[in-house]
Amino acid sequence: MAMNRWWLILILALAAVALAGCGGDDDEPEALPTLAQTGAPNGPATFPPTWTPFQRASVTPPPTRSDSNPTGGSSNLPNFTPGATWTPLPDVCYELEVLASDENIPVNTPAMINWTPVTGYTSYEFLLVHPSGGTLIQEPVNATTYTVPAEFFAQPGVYGWEVSPMDALGYLQCFSISGEIIVTEQ
């Protein structure tokens, strides 16, 4: 029985020492996390000092080709034989040329574009682009002349236009011809 009592006293003493070592009333206050703005006092906040800008990794590496082997070889481009899949344009495509075009006009003035006919085609697509890049007109034309109404030139600027021959199904053929119309204040 005396042995059990000593064990009990020893366990209580160790518990008291352990609790005393856990802390108590210290004179040092516990530090609390705070948020502080960085940067100039009245300026924009800056990123934390650990932030570093980086460039994102590209999913597709840029194409490379060795100058010593123009058909591929040691590059990340597929091997190809130049000209193997190239289909030349029909000779009639080279007939398409601008005959006349209004190039400088005052605002609110119609503009006329005239082109050569292409053998075998009676339809053309006419496209007019606003100086801001938006499409103003995109429509089929069954003639070789198109007059753009004056209301499309209400603002000064450089307008672009294109004409392409179309087949019977409405598919564009050949390369388009194009030009610019500079619209100025009166």
N, C-alpha and C. Protein backbone atom coordinates (compact mmCIF):
# COMPACT_ATOMS: atom_id res chain seq x y z
N MET A 1 0.80 -1.18 0.00
CA MET A 1 0.00 0.00 0.00
C MET A 1 0.85 1.25 0.00
N ALA A 2 1.95 1.21 0.70
CA ALA A 2 2.85 2.36 0.74
C ALA A 2 3.44 2.61 -0.64
N MET A 3 3.67 1.56 -1.40
CA MET A 3 4.24 1.69 -2.73
C MET A 3 3.26 2.38 -3.67
N ASN A 4 2.00 2.05 -3.56
CA ASN A 4 0.98 2.67 -4.39
C ASN A 4 0.84 4.15 -4.08
N ARG A 5 1.03 4.49 -2.80
CA ARG A 5 0.92 5.88 -2.40
C ARG A 5 2.06 6.68 -3.02
N TRP A 6 3.29 6.16 -3.02
CA TRP A 6 4.42 6.86 -3.62
C TRP A 6 4.24 7.04 -5.11
N TRP A 7 3.69 6.06 -5.76
CA TRP A 7 3.43 6.19 -7.19
C TRP A 7 2.40 7.28 -7.45
N LEU A 8 1.43 7.34 -6.65
CA LEU A 8 0.39 8.36 -6.78
C LEU A 8 0.97 9.75 -6.55
N ILE A 9 1.84 9.89 -5.55
CA ILE A 9 2.46 11.18 -5.26
C ILE A 9 3.38 11.58 -6.41
N LEU A 10 4.13 10.61 -6.94
CA LEU A 10 5.03 10.89 -8.06
C LEU A 10 4.25 11.32 -9.30
N ILE A 11 3.17 10.67 -9.61
CA ILE A 11 2.36 11.02 -10.78
C ILE A 11 1.75 12.41 -10.60
N LEU A 12 1.27 12.75 -9.42
CA LEU A 12 0.69 14.08 -9.18
C LEU A 12 1.77 15.16 -9.29
N ALA A 13 2.97 14.88 -8.80
CA ALA A 13 4.06 15.86 -8.87
C ALA A 13 4.44 16.11 -10.33
N LEU A 14 4.54 15.06 -11.13
CA LEU A 14 4.87 15.21 -12.55
C LEU A 14 3.77 15.97 -13.28
N ALA A 15 2.55 15.73 -12.95
CA ALA A 15 1.45 16.45 -13.57
C ALA A 15 1.52 17.93 -13.22
N ALA A 16 1.86 18.26 -11.97
CA ALA A 16 1.97 19.66 -11.55
C ALA A 16 3.09 20.36 -12.30
N VAL A 17 4.23 19.66 -12.43
CA VAL A 17 5.36 20.25 -13.17
C VAL A 17 4.98 20.47 -14.62
N ALA A 18 4.29 19.51 -15.22
CA ALA A 18 3.90 19.64 -16.62
C ALA A 18 2.94 20.79 -16.81
N LEU A 19 1.98 20.95 -15.91
CA LEU A 19 1.04 22.06 -16.03
C LEU A 19 1.73 23.40 -15.79
N ALA A 20 2.68 23.46 -14.94
CA ALA A 20 3.40 24.70 -14.67
C ALA A 20 4.23 25.10 -15.88
N GLY A 21 4.74 24.13 -16.63
CA GLY A 21 5.55 24.43 -17.80
C GLY A 21 4.73 24.82 -19.02
N CYS A 22 3.42 24.62 -18.97
CA CYS A 22 2.56 24.93 -20.12
C CYS A 22 2.32 26.42 -20.26
N GLY A 23 2.71 27.19 -19.39
CA GLY A 23 2.50 28.63 -19.53
C GLY A 23 1.77 29.15 -18.34
N GLY A 24 1.65 30.38 -18.35
CA GLY A 24 0.97 31.00 -17.25
C GLY A 24 0.82 32.46 -17.62
N ASP A 25 0.92 33.28 -16.65
CA ASP A 25 0.84 34.71 -16.90
C ASP A 25 2.22 35.23 -17.25
N ASP A 26 2.52 35.31 -18.54
CA ASP A 26 3.79 35.89 -18.99
C ASP A 26 3.58 37.37 -19.25
N ASP A 27 4.67 38.12 -19.19
CA ASP A 27 4.59 39.55 -19.46
C ASP A 27 4.55 39.84 -20.96
N GLU A 28 4.91 38.88 -21.82
CA GLU A 28 4.93 39.12 -23.27
C GLU A 28 3.56 38.82 -23.86
N PRO A 29 2.98 39.79 -24.61
CA PRO A 29 1.68 39.54 -25.23
C PRO A 29 1.85 38.58 -26.42
N GLU A 30 0.81 37.84 -26.70
CA GLU A 30 0.83 36.91 -27.83
C GLU A 30 0.69 37.70 -29.13
N ALA A 31 1.52 37.40 -30.15
CA ALA A 31 1.46 38.10 -31.44
C ALA A 31 0.26 37.61 -32.23
N LEU A 32 -0.52 38.55 -32.77
CA LEU A 32 -1.67 38.22 -33.59
C LEU A 32 -1.39 38.64 -35.03
N PRO A 33 -1.82 37.85 -36.02
CA PRO A 33 -1.59 38.23 -37.42
C PRO A 33 -2.42 39.46 -37.78
N THR A 34 -1.83 40.34 -38.58
CA THR A 34 -2.54 41.53 -39.03
C THR A 34 -2.29 41.71 -40.51
N LEU A 35 -3.16 42.46 -41.17
CA LEU A 35 -3.01 42.79 -42.58
C LEU A 35 -2.56 44.23 -42.70
N ALA A 36 -1.57 44.47 -43.55
CA ALA A 36 -1.09 45.83 -43.77
C ALA A 36 -0.99 46.06 -45.26
N GLN A 37 -1.39 47.25 -45.71
CA GLN A 37 -1.31 47.60 -47.12
C GLN A 37 0.13 47.91 -47.46
N THR A 38 0.54 47.41 -48.65
CA THR A 38 1.89 47.72 -49.11
C THR A 38 1.79 48.76 -50.22
N GLY A 39 2.88 49.39 -50.51
CA GLY A 39 2.89 50.41 -51.57
C GLY A 39 2.83 51.79 -50.98
N ALA A 40 2.62 52.75 -51.84
CA ALA A 40 2.56 54.14 -51.41
C ALA A 40 1.32 54.35 -50.55
N PRO A 41 1.39 55.24 -49.56
CA PRO A 41 0.25 55.42 -48.66
C PRO A 41 -1.04 55.75 -49.39
N ASN A 42 -0.99 56.60 -50.40
CA ASN A 42 -2.19 56.97 -51.13
C ASN A 42 -2.23 56.38 -52.52
N GLY A 43 -1.26 55.58 -52.87
CA GLY A 43 -1.18 55.00 -54.21
C GLY A 43 -1.81 53.63 -54.26
N PRO A 44 -1.68 53.00 -55.41
CA PRO A 44 -2.27 51.67 -55.54
C PRO A 44 -1.50 50.64 -54.72
N ALA A 45 -2.21 49.65 -54.24
CA ALA A 45 -1.57 48.57 -53.50
C ALA A 45 -0.69 47.76 -54.44
N THR A 46 0.41 47.28 -53.95
CA THR A 46 1.30 46.48 -54.77
C THR A 46 1.18 45.02 -54.37
N PHE A 47 1.74 44.15 -55.17
CA PHE A 47 1.71 42.73 -54.85
C PHE A 47 2.66 42.46 -53.70
N PRO A 48 2.41 41.39 -52.95
CA PRO A 48 3.33 41.03 -51.87
C PRO A 48 4.74 40.81 -52.43
N PRO A 49 5.76 40.97 -51.61
CA PRO A 49 7.13 40.84 -52.12
C PRO A 49 7.47 39.45 -52.62
N THR A 50 6.67 38.45 -52.31
CA THR A 50 6.98 37.10 -52.78
C THR A 50 6.41 36.81 -54.16
N TRP A 51 5.57 37.72 -54.71
CA TRP A 51 4.95 37.47 -56.01
C TRP A 51 5.95 37.79 -57.10
N THR A 52 6.09 36.89 -58.04
CA THR A 52 6.97 37.08 -59.18
C THR A 52 6.19 36.77 -60.45
N PRO A 53 6.10 37.72 -61.39
CA PRO A 53 5.37 37.41 -62.62
C PRO A 53 6.12 36.35 -63.42
N PHE A 54 5.38 35.53 -64.13
CA PHE A 54 6.01 34.50 -64.95
C PHE A 54 5.22 34.35 -66.24
N GLN A 55 5.87 33.80 -67.23
CA GLN A 55 5.22 33.53 -68.50
C GLN A 55 4.68 32.11 -68.46
N ARG A 56 3.43 31.96 -68.85
CA ARG A 56 2.82 30.64 -68.86
C ARG A 56 3.52 29.74 -69.87
N ALA A 57 3.60 28.50 -69.54
CA ALA A 57 4.17 27.53 -70.46
C ALA A 57 3.21 27.33 -71.63
N SER A 58 3.75 27.23 -72.80
CA SER A 58 2.94 27.03 -74.00
C SER A 58 2.64 25.55 -74.16
N VAL A 59 1.40 25.24 -74.50
CA VAL A 59 1.02 23.86 -74.72
C VAL A 59 1.70 23.34 -75.98
N THR A 60 1.75 24.18 -77.01
CA THR A 60 2.36 23.80 -78.26
C THR A 60 3.66 24.56 -78.42
N PRO A 61 4.78 23.86 -78.57
CA PRO A 61 6.04 24.58 -78.74
C PRO A 61 6.06 25.30 -80.08
N PRO A 62 6.79 26.41 -80.17
CA PRO A 62 6.86 27.11 -81.44
C PRO A 62 7.56 26.24 -82.48
N PRO A 63 7.15 26.37 -83.75
CA PRO A 63 7.76 25.53 -84.77
C PRO A 63 9.22 25.87 -84.98
N THR A 64 10.00 24.86 -85.19
CA THR A 64 11.41 25.05 -85.49
C THR A 64 11.76 24.24 -86.71
N ARG A 65 12.75 24.70 -87.42
CA ARG A 65 13.20 23.96 -88.59
C ARG A 65 14.68 24.24 -88.76
N SER A 66 15.42 23.22 -89.04
CA SER A 66 16.85 23.36 -89.28
C SER A 66 17.05 23.92 -90.68
N ASP A 67 17.92 24.95 -90.81
CA ASP A 67 18.19 25.51 -92.13
C ASP A 67 18.86 24.50 -93.05
N SER A 68 19.55 23.53 -92.48
CA SER A 68 20.24 22.56 -93.30
C SER A 68 19.30 21.51 -93.88
N ASN A 69 18.09 21.40 -93.34
CA ASN A 69 17.15 20.40 -93.83
C ASN A 69 15.79 21.06 -94.00
N PRO A 70 15.50 21.71 -95.15
CA PRO A 70 14.24 22.45 -95.32
C PRO A 70 13.00 21.58 -95.41
N THR A 71 13.13 20.27 -95.53
CA THR A 71 11.93 19.42 -95.63
C THR A 71 11.54 18.81 -94.30
N GLY A 72 12.05 19.30 -93.23
CA GLY A 72 11.64 18.77 -91.92
C GLY A 72 12.86 18.28 -91.17
N GLY A 73 13.14 17.00 -91.24
CA GLY A 73 14.31 16.44 -90.58
C GLY A 73 14.23 16.62 -89.09
N SER A 74 15.25 17.23 -88.51
CA SER A 74 15.30 17.40 -87.06
C SER A 74 14.57 18.67 -86.65
N SER A 75 13.27 18.61 -86.64
CA SER A 75 12.45 19.73 -86.20
C SER A 75 11.20 19.16 -85.55
N ASN A 76 10.37 20.05 -85.01
CA ASN A 76 9.12 19.57 -84.45
C ASN A 76 7.97 19.76 -85.44
N LEU A 77 8.28 20.07 -86.70
CA LEU A 77 7.27 20.17 -87.75
C LEU A 77 7.16 18.83 -88.46
N PRO A 78 5.98 18.48 -88.95
CA PRO A 78 5.86 17.22 -89.68
C PRO A 78 6.66 17.28 -90.98
N ASN A 79 7.18 16.15 -91.39
CA ASN A 79 7.89 16.09 -92.65
C ASN A 79 6.91 16.31 -93.79
N PHE A 80 7.31 17.01 -94.80
CA PHE A 80 6.47 17.25 -95.95
C PHE A 80 7.35 17.41 -97.18
N THR A 81 6.75 17.22 -98.31
CA THR A 81 7.44 17.46 -99.56
C THR A 81 6.83 18.72 -100.15
N PRO A 82 7.62 19.78 -100.35
CA PRO A 82 7.05 21.02 -100.88
C PRO A 82 6.33 20.77 -102.20
N GLY A 83 5.11 21.29 -102.30
CA GLY A 83 4.36 21.19 -103.54
C GLY A 83 3.52 19.93 -103.65
N ALA A 84 3.64 19.00 -102.72
CA ALA A 84 2.91 17.74 -102.85
C ALA A 84 1.41 17.92 -102.71
N THR A 85 0.95 18.84 -101.86
CA THR A 85 -0.48 19.03 -101.65
C THR A 85 -0.97 20.37 -102.21
N TRP A 86 -0.12 21.10 -102.87
CA TRP A 86 -0.48 22.41 -103.38
C TRP A 86 -1.28 22.27 -104.67
N THR A 87 -2.40 22.95 -104.74
CA THR A 87 -3.21 22.96 -105.95
C THR A 87 -3.19 24.37 -106.50
N PRO A 88 -2.69 24.55 -107.72
CA PRO A 88 -2.62 25.90 -108.27
C PRO A 88 -4.02 26.45 -108.55
N LEU A 89 -4.13 27.76 -108.52
CA LEU A 89 -5.39 28.40 -108.85
C LEU A 89 -5.65 28.24 -110.35
N PRO A 90 -6.91 28.12 -110.73
CA PRO A 90 -7.20 28.08 -112.16
C PRO A 90 -6.76 29.40 -112.81
N ASP A 91 -6.41 29.34 -114.07
CA ASP A 91 -5.96 30.55 -114.77
C ASP A 91 -6.99 31.66 -114.76
N VAL A 92 -8.29 31.30 -114.71
CA VAL A 92 -9.33 32.33 -114.72
C VAL A 92 -9.25 33.23 -113.48
N CYS A 93 -8.66 32.72 -112.40
CA CYS A 93 -8.56 33.52 -111.18
C CYS A 93 -7.70 34.76 -111.38
N TYR A 94 -6.79 34.68 -112.32
CA TYR A 94 -5.92 35.83 -112.56
C TYR A 94 -6.59 36.90 -113.41
N GLU A 95 -7.82 36.65 -113.85
CA GLU A 95 -8.57 37.63 -114.63
C GLU A 95 -9.16 38.72 -113.74
N LEU A 96 -9.35 38.44 -112.47
CA LEU A 96 -10.03 39.37 -111.56
C LEU A 96 -9.12 40.55 -111.24
N GLU A 97 -9.51 41.73 -111.70
CA GLU A 97 -8.74 42.96 -111.46
C GLU A 97 -9.70 44.12 -111.24
N VAL A 98 -9.23 45.13 -110.55
CA VAL A 98 -10.01 46.35 -110.32
C VAL A 98 -9.93 47.20 -111.58
N LEU A 99 -11.09 47.59 -112.12
CA LEU A 99 -11.11 48.50 -113.27
C LEU A 99 -11.19 49.95 -112.81
N ALA A 100 -12.05 50.21 -111.84
CA ALA A 100 -12.20 51.58 -111.33
C ALA A 100 -12.72 51.50 -109.90
N SER A 101 -12.30 52.46 -109.10
CA SER A 101 -12.76 52.51 -107.71
C SER A 101 -12.63 53.94 -107.20
N ASP A 102 -13.67 54.39 -106.52
CA ASP A 102 -13.57 55.68 -105.86
C ASP A 102 -12.64 55.50 -104.67
N GLU A 103 -11.57 56.29 -104.61
CA GLU A 103 -10.59 56.12 -103.54
C GLU A 103 -10.67 57.22 -102.49
N ASN A 104 -11.04 58.44 -102.87
CA ASN A 104 -11.15 59.56 -101.93
C ASN A 104 -12.49 60.23 -102.16
N ILE A 105 -13.34 60.20 -101.12
CA ILE A 105 -14.66 60.81 -101.23
C ILE A 105 -14.97 61.55 -99.95
N PRO A 106 -15.84 62.57 -100.03
CA PRO A 106 -16.30 63.24 -98.80
C PRO A 106 -17.36 62.38 -98.10
N VAL A 107 -17.60 62.66 -96.82
CA VAL A 107 -18.62 61.91 -96.07
C VAL A 107 -19.96 62.02 -96.77
N ASN A 108 -20.80 61.02 -96.55
CA ASN A 108 -22.16 60.94 -97.10
C ASN A 108 -22.19 61.02 -98.63
N THR A 109 -21.23 60.37 -99.27
CA THR A 109 -21.16 60.31 -100.73
C THR A 109 -21.09 58.83 -101.13
N PRO A 110 -21.86 58.42 -102.14
CA PRO A 110 -21.75 57.03 -102.56
C PRO A 110 -20.41 56.75 -103.24
N ALA A 111 -20.00 55.49 -103.23
CA ALA A 111 -18.75 55.09 -103.87
C ALA A 111 -19.02 53.95 -104.83
N MET A 112 -18.30 53.95 -105.97
CA MET A 112 -18.50 52.92 -106.98
C MET A 112 -17.22 52.11 -107.14
N ILE A 113 -17.37 50.77 -107.23
CA ILE A 113 -16.25 49.87 -107.46
C ILE A 113 -16.61 49.04 -108.69
N ASN A 114 -15.66 48.92 -109.62
CA ASN A 114 -15.89 48.19 -110.87
C ASN A 114 -14.72 47.23 -111.08
N TRP A 115 -14.99 45.96 -111.44
CA TRP A 115 -13.94 44.96 -111.62
C TRP A 115 -14.17 44.17 -112.90
N THR A 116 -13.13 43.48 -113.33
CA THR A 116 -13.24 42.67 -114.55
C THR A 116 -14.03 41.40 -114.26
N PRO A 117 -14.79 40.91 -115.23
CA PRO A 117 -15.49 39.65 -115.02
C PRO A 117 -14.49 38.48 -115.06
N VAL A 118 -14.85 37.42 -114.34
CA VAL A 118 -14.03 36.21 -114.34
C VAL A 118 -14.78 35.16 -115.15
N THR A 119 -14.11 34.56 -116.13
CA THR A 119 -14.73 33.57 -117.01
C THR A 119 -15.33 32.43 -116.18
N GLY A 120 -16.61 32.17 -116.43
CA GLY A 120 -17.28 31.07 -115.75
C GLY A 120 -18.01 31.47 -114.48
N TYR A 121 -17.88 32.72 -114.06
CA TYR A 121 -18.54 33.17 -112.82
C TYR A 121 -19.42 34.37 -113.13
N THR A 122 -20.62 34.34 -112.58
CA THR A 122 -21.54 35.48 -112.74
C THR A 122 -21.87 36.12 -111.40
N SER A 123 -21.46 35.46 -110.31
CA SER A 123 -21.74 36.00 -108.97
C SER A 123 -20.43 36.30 -108.25
N TYR A 124 -20.48 37.37 -107.47
CA TYR A 124 -19.32 37.80 -106.71
C TYR A 124 -19.79 38.17 -105.31
N GLU A 125 -18.92 38.04 -104.33
CA GLU A 125 -19.25 38.51 -102.99
C GLU A 125 -18.58 39.86 -102.80
N PHE A 126 -19.39 40.85 -102.36
CA PHE A 126 -18.85 42.17 -102.06
C PHE A 126 -18.82 42.33 -100.55
N LEU A 127 -17.70 42.82 -100.03
CA LEU A 127 -17.50 43.01 -98.59
C LEU A 127 -17.01 44.43 -98.35
N LEU A 128 -17.68 45.16 -97.44
CA LEU A 128 -17.24 46.50 -97.04
C LEU A 128 -16.97 46.47 -95.55
N VAL A 129 -15.79 46.98 -95.16
CA VAL A 129 -15.36 46.95 -93.76
C VAL A 129 -15.22 48.37 -93.23
N HIS A 130 -15.81 48.63 -92.07
CA HIS A 130 -15.76 49.93 -91.39
C HIS A 130 -14.33 50.18 -90.90
N PRO A 131 -13.91 51.44 -90.72
CA PRO A 131 -12.57 51.71 -90.19
C PRO A 131 -12.27 51.03 -88.85
N SER A 132 -13.30 50.75 -88.07
CA SER A 132 -13.07 50.08 -86.78
C SER A 132 -12.89 48.57 -86.94
N GLY A 133 -13.11 48.04 -88.13
CA GLY A 133 -12.92 46.62 -88.39
C GLY A 133 -14.20 45.83 -88.53
N GLY A 134 -15.34 46.41 -88.25
CA GLY A 134 -16.61 45.69 -88.36
C GLY A 134 -17.07 45.60 -89.81
N THR A 135 -17.81 44.54 -90.11
CA THR A 135 -18.33 44.36 -91.47
C THR A 135 -19.61 45.17 -91.63
N LEU A 136 -19.64 46.02 -92.66
CA LEU A 136 -20.83 46.82 -92.95
C LEU A 136 -21.70 46.15 -94.00
N ILE A 137 -21.08 45.60 -95.04
CA ILE A 137 -21.81 44.94 -96.13
C ILE A 137 -21.08 43.64 -96.44
N GLN A 138 -21.83 42.58 -96.59
CA GLN A 138 -21.30 41.30 -97.08
C GLN A 138 -22.46 40.64 -97.81
N GLU A 139 -22.46 40.81 -99.15
CA GLU A 139 -23.59 40.29 -99.92
C GLU A 139 -23.17 39.86 -101.31
N PRO A 140 -23.94 38.93 -101.89
CA PRO A 140 -23.65 38.51 -103.26
C PRO A 140 -24.07 39.58 -104.26
N VAL A 141 -23.33 39.67 -105.35
CA VAL A 141 -23.60 40.65 -106.41
C VAL A 141 -23.57 39.89 -107.73
N ASN A 142 -24.58 40.10 -108.57
CA ASN A 142 -24.64 39.44 -109.88
C ASN A 142 -24.25 40.41 -110.98
N ALA A 143 -23.21 41.20 -110.73
CA ALA A 143 -22.72 42.17 -111.70
C ALA A 143 -21.23 42.40 -111.42
N THR A 144 -20.59 43.22 -112.24
CA THR A 144 -19.17 43.52 -112.02
C THR A 144 -18.99 44.96 -111.56
N THR A 145 -20.07 45.55 -111.07
CA THR A 145 -20.03 46.90 -110.52
C THR A 145 -20.86 46.92 -109.25
N TYR A 146 -20.38 47.63 -108.25
CA TYR A 146 -21.15 47.77 -107.02
C TYR A 146 -21.05 49.23 -106.57
N THR A 147 -22.19 49.83 -106.28
CA THR A 147 -22.22 51.19 -105.76
C THR A 147 -22.63 51.12 -104.29
N VAL A 148 -21.73 51.59 -103.43
CA VAL A 148 -21.99 51.60 -101.99
C VAL A 148 -22.81 52.84 -101.68
N PRO A 149 -24.00 52.68 -101.06
CA PRO A 149 -24.84 53.84 -100.74
C PRO A 149 -24.13 54.82 -99.80
N ALA A 150 -24.49 56.08 -99.92
CA ALA A 150 -23.85 57.16 -99.16
C ALA A 150 -23.96 56.99 -97.65
N GLU A 151 -25.07 56.39 -97.16
CA GLU A 151 -25.24 56.29 -95.71
C GLU A 151 -24.19 55.42 -95.03
N PHE A 152 -23.48 54.58 -95.78
CA PHE A 152 -22.41 53.77 -95.18
C PHE A 152 -21.15 54.59 -94.92
N PHE A 153 -21.07 55.78 -95.49
CA PHE A 153 -19.89 56.63 -95.32
C PHE A 153 -20.22 57.87 -94.51
N ALA A 154 -20.92 57.69 -93.39
CA ALA A 154 -21.32 58.81 -92.54
C ALA A 154 -20.17 59.33 -91.69
N GLN A 155 -19.14 58.53 -91.47
CA GLN A 155 -17.99 58.94 -90.65
C GLN A 155 -16.74 58.97 -91.50
N PRO A 156 -15.85 59.94 -91.24
CA PRO A 156 -14.58 59.92 -91.96
C PRO A 156 -13.72 58.74 -91.51
N GLY A 157 -12.86 58.28 -92.37
CA GLY A 157 -11.98 57.17 -92.05
C GLY A 157 -11.61 56.39 -93.30
N VAL A 158 -10.86 55.32 -93.10
CA VAL A 158 -10.43 54.47 -94.22
C VAL A 158 -11.27 53.20 -94.18
N TYR A 159 -12.10 53.03 -95.19
CA TYR A 159 -12.97 51.86 -95.33
C TYR A 159 -12.29 50.88 -96.28
N GLY A 160 -12.40 49.60 -95.98
CA GLY A 160 -11.83 48.59 -96.85
C GLY A 160 -12.92 47.83 -97.58
N TRP A 161 -12.59 47.32 -98.77
CA TRP A 161 -13.54 46.52 -99.52
C TRP A 161 -12.84 45.33 -100.17
N GLU A 162 -13.61 44.27 -100.44
CA GLU A 162 -13.09 43.07 -101.11
C GLU A 162 -14.16 42.55 -102.06
N VAL A 163 -13.70 41.94 -103.17
CA VAL A 163 -14.58 41.27 -104.12
C VAL A 163 -13.98 39.90 -104.40
N SER A 164 -14.82 38.85 -104.33
CA SER A 164 -14.39 37.48 -104.62
C SER A 164 -15.41 36.81 -105.52
N PRO A 165 -14.96 36.05 -106.54
CA PRO A 165 -15.93 35.29 -107.35
C PRO A 165 -16.55 34.17 -106.51
N MET A 166 -17.83 33.87 -106.78
CA MET A 166 -18.55 32.80 -106.06
C MET A 166 -19.05 31.78 -107.08
N ASP A 167 -19.04 30.49 -106.66
CA ASP A 167 -19.61 29.47 -107.54
C ASP A 167 -21.12 29.42 -107.32
N ALA A 168 -21.79 28.50 -108.03
CA ALA A 168 -23.25 28.41 -107.97
C ALA A 168 -23.76 28.06 -106.58
N LEU A 169 -22.92 27.41 -105.75
CA LEU A 169 -23.33 27.06 -104.39
C LEU A 169 -23.03 28.16 -103.37
N GLY A 170 -22.41 29.24 -103.80
CA GLY A 170 -22.10 30.35 -102.91
C GLY A 170 -20.73 30.26 -102.27
N TYR A 171 -19.89 29.31 -102.71
CA TYR A 171 -18.54 29.20 -102.16
C TYR A 171 -17.61 30.18 -102.88
N LEU A 172 -16.77 30.85 -102.09
CA LEU A 172 -15.83 31.80 -102.67
C LEU A 172 -14.75 31.05 -103.44
N GLN A 173 -14.38 31.58 -104.58
CA GLN A 173 -13.37 30.98 -105.44
C GLN A 173 -12.23 31.99 -105.61
N CYS A 174 -11.05 31.51 -105.87
CA CYS A 174 -9.89 32.36 -106.14
C CYS A 174 -9.56 33.24 -104.93
N PHE A 175 -8.61 34.11 -105.13
CA PHE A 175 -8.29 35.13 -104.13
C PHE A 175 -9.15 36.35 -104.41
N SER A 176 -9.41 37.12 -103.37
CA SER A 176 -10.21 38.33 -103.55
C SER A 176 -9.31 39.47 -104.01
N ILE A 177 -9.94 40.44 -104.65
CA ILE A 177 -9.26 41.71 -104.89
C ILE A 177 -9.77 42.67 -103.83
N SER A 178 -9.00 43.69 -103.52
CA SER A 178 -9.41 44.58 -102.44
C SER A 178 -8.87 45.98 -102.68
N GLY A 179 -9.40 46.90 -101.91
CA GLY A 179 -8.96 48.28 -101.99
C GLY A 179 -9.46 49.06 -100.78
N GLU A 180 -9.15 50.34 -100.79
CA GLU A 180 -9.55 51.21 -99.70
C GLU A 180 -10.28 52.43 -100.24
N ILE A 181 -11.21 52.94 -99.46
CA ILE A 181 -11.90 54.19 -99.77
C ILE A 181 -11.66 55.10 -98.58
N ILE A 182 -11.01 56.23 -98.86
CA ILE A 182 -10.71 57.20 -97.80
C ILE A 182 -11.83 58.24 -97.79
N VAL A 183 -12.55 58.30 -96.68
CA VAL A 183 -13.67 59.22 -96.54
C VAL A 183 -13.21 60.37 -95.66
N THR A 184 -13.36 61.59 -96.17
CA THR A 184 -12.89 62.78 -95.46
C THR A 184 -14.04 63.74 -95.19
N GLU A 185 -13.83 64.65 -94.24
CA GLU A 185 -14.80 65.71 -93.97
C GLU A 185 -14.88 66.60 -95.20
N GLN A 186 -16.06 67.19 -95.43
CA GLN A 186 -16.25 68.04 -96.63
C GLN A 186 -15.54 69.35 -96.53
